[in-house]
C-alpha atoms as a PDB file:
ATOM      1  CA  LEU A   1     110.928  98.182  93.033  1.00  0.00           C
ATOM      2  CA  SER A   2     111.719  94.057  93.327  1.00  0.00           C
ATOM      3  CA  PRO A   3     108.890  92.899  91.137  1.00  0.00           C
ATOM      4  CA  ARG A   4     107.308  91.858  94.118  1.00  0.00           C
ATOM      5  CA  SER A   5     106.697  94.947  96.952  1.00  0.00           C
ATOM      6  CA  ILE A   6     104.804  97.544  98.376  1.00  0.00           C
ATOM      7  CA  SER A   7     103.560  99.840  95.906  1.00  0.00           C
ATOM      8  CA  HIS A   8     101.120 102.268  97.687  1.00  0.00           C
ATOM      9  CA  VAL A   9      98.558 102.452 100.584  1.00  0.00           C
ATOM     10  CA  ALA A  10      95.528 104.056 100.856  1.00  0.00           C
ATOM     11  CA  TYR A  11      94.400 105.291 104.600  1.00  0.00           C
ATOM     12  CA  TRP A  12      90.230 104.667 105.462  1.00  0.00           C
ATOM     13  CA  GLU A  13      88.221 105.686 108.119  1.00  0.00           C
ATOM     14  CA  GLN A  14      85.285 103.562 107.935  1.00  0.00           C
ATOM     15  CA  GLN A  15      84.216 104.015 103.468  1.00  0.00           C
ATOM     16  CA  THR A  16      86.253 107.337 103.138  1.00  0.00           C
ATOM     17  CA  ARG A  17      89.476 106.859 101.962  1.00  0.00           C
ATOM     18  CA  VAL A  18      91.164 109.859 103.693  1.00  0.00           C
ATOM     19  CA  GLY A  19      94.012 111.753 101.972  1.00  0.00           C
ATOM     20  CA  ARG A  20      96.261 110.614  98.667  1.00  0.00           C
ATOM     21  CA  LEU A  21      97.501 107.000  98.086  1.00  0.00           C
ATOM     22  CA  TYR A  22     100.821 107.081  99.832  1.00  0.00           C
ATOM     23  CA  PRO A  23     103.793 105.769  97.404  1.00  0.00           C
ATOM     24  CA  ALA A  24     105.734 103.241  98.729  1.00  0.00           C
ATOM     25  CA  HIS A  25     109.497 103.221  97.508  1.00  0.00           C
ATOM     26  CA  GLU A  26     111.376 101.807  99.832  1.00  0.00           C
ATOM     27  CA  PRO A  27     110.796  98.055 101.202  1.00  0.00           C
ATOM     28  CA  SER A  28     110.226  99.014 104.600  1.00  0.00           C
ATOM     29  CA  LEU A  29     107.899 101.292 105.590  1.00  0.00           C
ATOM     30  CA  SER A  30     106.822 103.050 108.539  1.00  0.00           C
ATOM     31  CA  ILE A  31     102.568 103.899 109.421  1.00  0.00           C
ATOM     32  CA  PHE A  32     102.182 105.723 112.495  1.00  0.00           C
ATOM     33  CA  TYR A  33      99.930 108.729 114.434  1.00  0.00           C
ATOM     34  CA  ASP A  34     102.740 110.175 116.420  1.00  0.00           C
ATOM     35  CA  LEU A  35     106.490 108.827 116.083  1.00  0.00           C
ATOM     36  CA  PRO A  36     109.139 111.585 117.570  1.00  0.00           C
ATOM     37  CA  GLN A  37     111.262 111.460 114.197  1.00  0.00           C
ATOM     38  CA  GLY A  38     109.701 108.887 112.606  1.00  0.00           C
ATOM     39  CA  THR A  39     109.631 108.610 108.934  1.00  0.00           C
ATOM     40  CA  GLY A  40     106.974 107.266 106.439  1.00  0.00           C
ATOM     41  CA  LEU A  41     102.854 107.755 106.174  1.00  0.00           C
ATOM     42  CA  CYS A  42     102.291 110.011 109.516  1.00  0.00           C
ATOM     43  CA  LEU A  43      98.169 109.354 109.864  1.00  0.00           C
ATOM     44  CA  GLY A  44      98.164 112.249 112.573  1.00  0.00           C
ATOM     45  CA  GLN A  45      99.141 114.911 109.866  1.00  0.00           C
ATOM     46  CA  LEU A  46      96.283 113.936 107.512  1.00  0.00           C
ATOM     47  CA  ASN A  47      93.230 116.287 107.472  1.00  0.00           C
ATOM     48  CA  ALA A  48      91.036 113.411 109.604  1.00  0.00           C
ATOM     49  CA  VAL A  49      87.795 113.046 111.166  1.00  0.00           C
ATOM     50  CA  ARG A  50      88.523 110.003 112.957  1.00  0.00           C
ATOM     51  CA  THR A  51      92.353 109.210 113.670  1.00  0.00           C
ATOM     52  CA  ARG A  52      92.715 107.524 116.730  1.00  0.00           C
ATOM     53  CA  SER A  53      95.667 107.848 118.901  1.00  0.00           C
ATOM     54  CA  LYS A  54      95.412 104.401 119.557  1.00  0.00           C
ATOM     55  CA  ILE A  55      97.603 103.655 116.888  1.00  0.00           C
ATOM     56  CA  GLY A  56     100.680 105.859 118.474  1.00  0.00           C
ATOM     57  CA  TYR A  57     103.803 104.446 116.822  1.00  0.00           C
ATOM     58  CA  GLY A  58     101.569 102.077 113.932  1.00  0.00           C
ATOM     59  CA  ILE A  59     102.970  98.976 112.404  1.00  0.00           C
ATOM     60  CA  VAL A  60     106.315  98.524 110.588  1.00  0.00           C
ATOM     61  CA  LEU A  61     105.303  96.943 106.674  1.00  0.00           C
ATOM     62  CA  SER A  62     108.503  94.929 105.602  1.00  0.00           C
ATOM     63  CA  GLN A  63     108.810  93.396 102.171  1.00  0.00           C
ATOM     64  CA  GLU A  64     111.182  90.192 102.604  1.00  0.00           C
ATOM     65  CA  PRO A  65     111.779  87.555  99.579  1.00  0.00           C
ATOM     66  CA  ASP A  66     109.103  85.215 101.328  1.00  0.00           C
ATOM     67  CA  GLY A  67     106.691  88.139 101.752  1.00  0.00           C
ATOM     68  CA  VAL A  68     105.315  91.149 103.182  1.00  0.00           C
ATOM     69  CA  TRP A  69     105.990  91.215 107.352  1.00  0.00           C
ATOM     70  CA  ILE A  70     104.231  93.462 110.027  1.00  0.00           C
ATOM     71  CA  TYR A  71     105.566  94.966 113.524  1.00  0.00           C
ATOM     72  CA  ASN A  72     103.241  95.500 115.576  1.00  0.00           C
ATOM     73  CA  ARG A  73     104.729  99.187 117.536  1.00  0.00           C
ATOM     74  CA  SER A  74     101.627 100.108 119.162  1.00  0.00           C
ATOM     75  CA  GLN A  75      99.702  99.145 122.177  1.00  0.00           C
ATOM     76  CA  HIS A  76      97.135  98.238 121.206  1.00  0.00           C
ATOM     77  CA  PRO A  77      96.289  95.052 118.296  1.00  0.00           C
ATOM     78  CA  VAL A  78      95.942  95.313 114.807  1.00  0.00           C
ATOM     79  CA  PHE A  79      94.130  93.345 112.655  1.00  0.00           C
ATOM     80  CA  VAL A  80      95.348  91.907 109.697  1.00  0.00           C
ATOM     81  CA  HIS A  81      93.206  90.559 106.408  1.00  0.00           C
ATOM     82  CA  SER A  82      94.573  89.034 103.427  1.00  0.00           C
ATOM     83  CA  PRO A  83      94.270  86.382 101.014  1.00  0.00           C
ATOM     84  CA  THR A  84      97.265  83.788 102.840  1.00  0.00           C
ATOM     85  CA  LEU A  85      96.348  85.375 106.802  1.00  0.00           C
ATOM     86  CA  ASP A  86      93.130  86.054 108.534  1.00  0.00           C
ATOM     87  CA  LEU A  87      94.596  87.467 112.356  1.00  0.00           C
ATOM     88  CA  ARG A  88      95.340  89.653 115.350  1.00  0.00           C
ATOM     89  CA  VAL A  89      98.739  90.975 115.588  1.00  0.00           C
ATOM     90  CA  MET A  90      99.605  92.080 119.143  1.00  0.00           C
ATOM     91  CA  PRO A  91     101.829  94.936 119.971  1.00  0.00           C
ATOM     92  CA  GLY A  92     105.506  94.021 120.238  1.00  0.00           C
ATOM     93  CA  TYR A  93     104.870  91.055 117.645  1.00  0.00           C
ATOM     94  CA  SER A  94     106.028  90.671 114.162  1.00  0.00           C
ATOM     95  CA  LEU A  95     103.812  88.154 111.764  1.00  0.00           C
ATOM     96  CA  LYS A  96     104.042  87.589 108.029  1.00  0.00           C
ATOM     97  CA  VAL A  97     100.713  89.174 106.774  1.00  0.00           C
ATOM     98  CA  PHE A  98     101.451  88.223 102.854  1.00  0.00           C
ATOM     99  CA  ASP A  99     102.981  85.048 101.614  1.00  0.00           C
ATOM    100  CA  TYR A 100     103.858  85.647  97.729  1.00  0.00           C
ATOM    101  CA  ASP A 101     104.174  81.443  96.965  1.00  0.00           C
ATOM    102  CA  LYS A 102     101.198  80.566  98.382  1.00  0.00           C
ATOM    103  CA  SER A 103      98.863  83.454  97.514  1.00  0.00           C
ATOM    104  CA  SER A 104     100.114  82.376  93.573  1.00  0.00           C
ATOM    105  CA  TRP A 105      98.827  78.833  94.452  1.00  0.00           C
ATOM    106  CA  ILE A 106      95.587  80.336  95.420  1.00  0.00           C
ATOM    107  CA  LEU A 107      95.520  82.404  92.235  1.00  0.00           C
ATOM    108  CA  GLN A 108      96.358  79.775  90.334  1.00  0.00           C
ATOM    109  CA  GLN A 109      93.622  77.571  91.311  1.00  0.00           C
ATOM    110  CA  GLY A 110      90.966  79.986  90.802  1.00  0.00           C
ATOM    111  CA  MET A 111      89.885  80.197  94.013  1.00  0.00           C
ATOM    112  CA  GLU A 112      86.703  82.654  94.589  1.00  0.00           C
ATOM    113  CA  PRO A 113      86.707  86.087  96.744  1.00  0.00           C
ATOM    114  CA  PRO A 114      86.171  85.017 100.326  1.00  0.00           C
ATOM    115  CA  VAL A 115      82.445  85.177 101.353  1.00  0.00           C
ATOM    116  CA  GLY A 116      81.272  88.224 102.948  1.00  0.00           C
ATOM    117  CA  LEU A 117      84.125  90.785 101.736  1.00  0.00           C
ATOM    118  CA  GLU A 118      82.269  94.406 101.164  1.00  0.00           C
ATOM    119  CA  GLY A 119      83.997  96.513  98.218  1.00  0.00           C
ATOM    120  CA  PRO A 120      86.019  95.096  95.557  1.00  0.00           C
ATOM    121  CA  TYR A 121      88.573  92.502  95.900  1.00  0.00           C
ATOM    122  CA  ASP A 122      92.218  92.389  95.290  1.00  0.00           C
ATOM    123  CA  PRO A 123      93.936  89.402  95.496  1.00  0.00           C
ATOM    124  CA  HIS A 124      97.524  91.620  95.778  1.00  0.00           C
ATOM    125  CA  SER A 125      96.378  93.501  98.558  1.00  0.00           C
ATOM    126  CA  VAL A 126      96.414  93.573 102.726  1.00  0.00           C
ATOM    127  CA  ARG A 127      93.628  95.263 104.760  1.00  0.00           C
ATOM    128  CA  ILE A 128      94.712  95.969 108.223  1.00  0.00           C
ATOM    129  CA  SER A 129      92.541  97.552 111.104  1.00  0.00           C
ATOM    130  CA  PHE A 130      94.084  99.503 114.034  1.00  0.00           C
ATOM    131  CA  ALA A 131      92.357  98.346 117.457  1.00  0.00           C
ATOM    132  CA  LYS A 132      89.387  96.997 115.987  1.00  0.00           C
ATOM    133  CA  GLY A 133      88.208  94.100 114.881  1.00  0.00           C
ATOM    134  CA  TRP A 134      86.001  92.736 112.142  1.00  0.00           C
ATOM    135  CA  GLY A 135      84.417  89.718 110.514  1.00  0.00           C
ATOM    136  CA  PRO A 136      82.159  87.121 111.581  1.00  0.00           C
ATOM    137  CA  CYS A 137      83.554  87.080 115.252  1.00  0.00           C
ATOM    138  CA  TYR A 138      82.921  91.105 115.960  1.00  0.00           C
ATOM    139  CA  SER A 139      80.289  93.966 116.011  1.00  0.00           C
ATOM    140  CA  ARG A 140      81.504  95.269 112.603  1.00  0.00           C
ATOM    141  CA  GLN A 141      81.204  92.547 109.804  1.00  0.00           C
ATOM    142  CA  PHE A 142      82.910  94.570 107.509  1.00  0.00           C
ATOM    143  CA  VAL A 143      86.354  96.485 107.527  1.00  0.00           C
ATOM    144  CA  THR A 144      85.148  99.519 106.381  1.00  0.00           C
ATOM    145  CA  SER A 145      82.914  99.837 109.679  1.00  0.00           C
ATOM    146  CA  CYS A 146      86.244  99.927 111.671  1.00  0.00           C
ATOM    147  CA  PRO A 147      87.267 103.706 112.642  1.00  0.00           C
ATOM    148  CA  CYS A 148      90.856 103.696 110.979  1.00  0.00           C
ATOM    149  CA  TRP A 149      92.017 101.356 108.972  1.00  0.00           C
ATOM    150  CA  VAL A 150      94.867 100.957 105.858  1.00  0.00           C
ATOM    151  CA  GLU A 151      94.929  99.082 102.662  1.00  0.00           C
ATOM    152  CA  VAL A 152      98.110  97.780 101.444  1.00  0.00           C
ATOM    153  CA  LEU A 153      98.527  97.639  97.776  1.00  0.00           C
ATOM    154  CA  LEU A 154     101.396  95.400  96.341  1.00  0.00           C
ATOM    155  CA  ASN A 155     103.061  95.067  93.535  1.00  0.00           C
ATOM    156  CA  THR A 156     103.172  91.036  92.660  1.00  0.00           C
ATOM    157  CA  HIS A 157     104.686  91.308  89.026  1.00  0.00           C
ATOM    158  CA  ARG A 158     100.889  91.276  87.501  1.00  0.00           C
END
């Protein structure tokens, strides 16, 4: 692994983590519910109660020199929150969800965790909810109220 890479992924259903931490050994990782001949984290194989088929072909996370990018292969939007982004990614689109330089600057400034964040705050993580958003503009205030979401833990040479 490079000094900056995707380290592990945790799958959550509301406040409950389902399964073990999934290690990422490659610079690209697919997370999906059902993808014929797909390799990566298959959420459909987990012993999960709320796994939503809306995840479908899911997402691809890609570690690039400037940060971590997401490509939404599902037919529904995904909702993302990281120290450097808080946005929705529509089906068929890619977006940088974690910017290494911006994150370093934020940490150097000693900025406080975002207001209204539930649970522990890790400035080297990205939270992604499938098909359901959260925050001040949504009925769900916290990601832990979303039916299914992943937490992407980054190795940023801490």
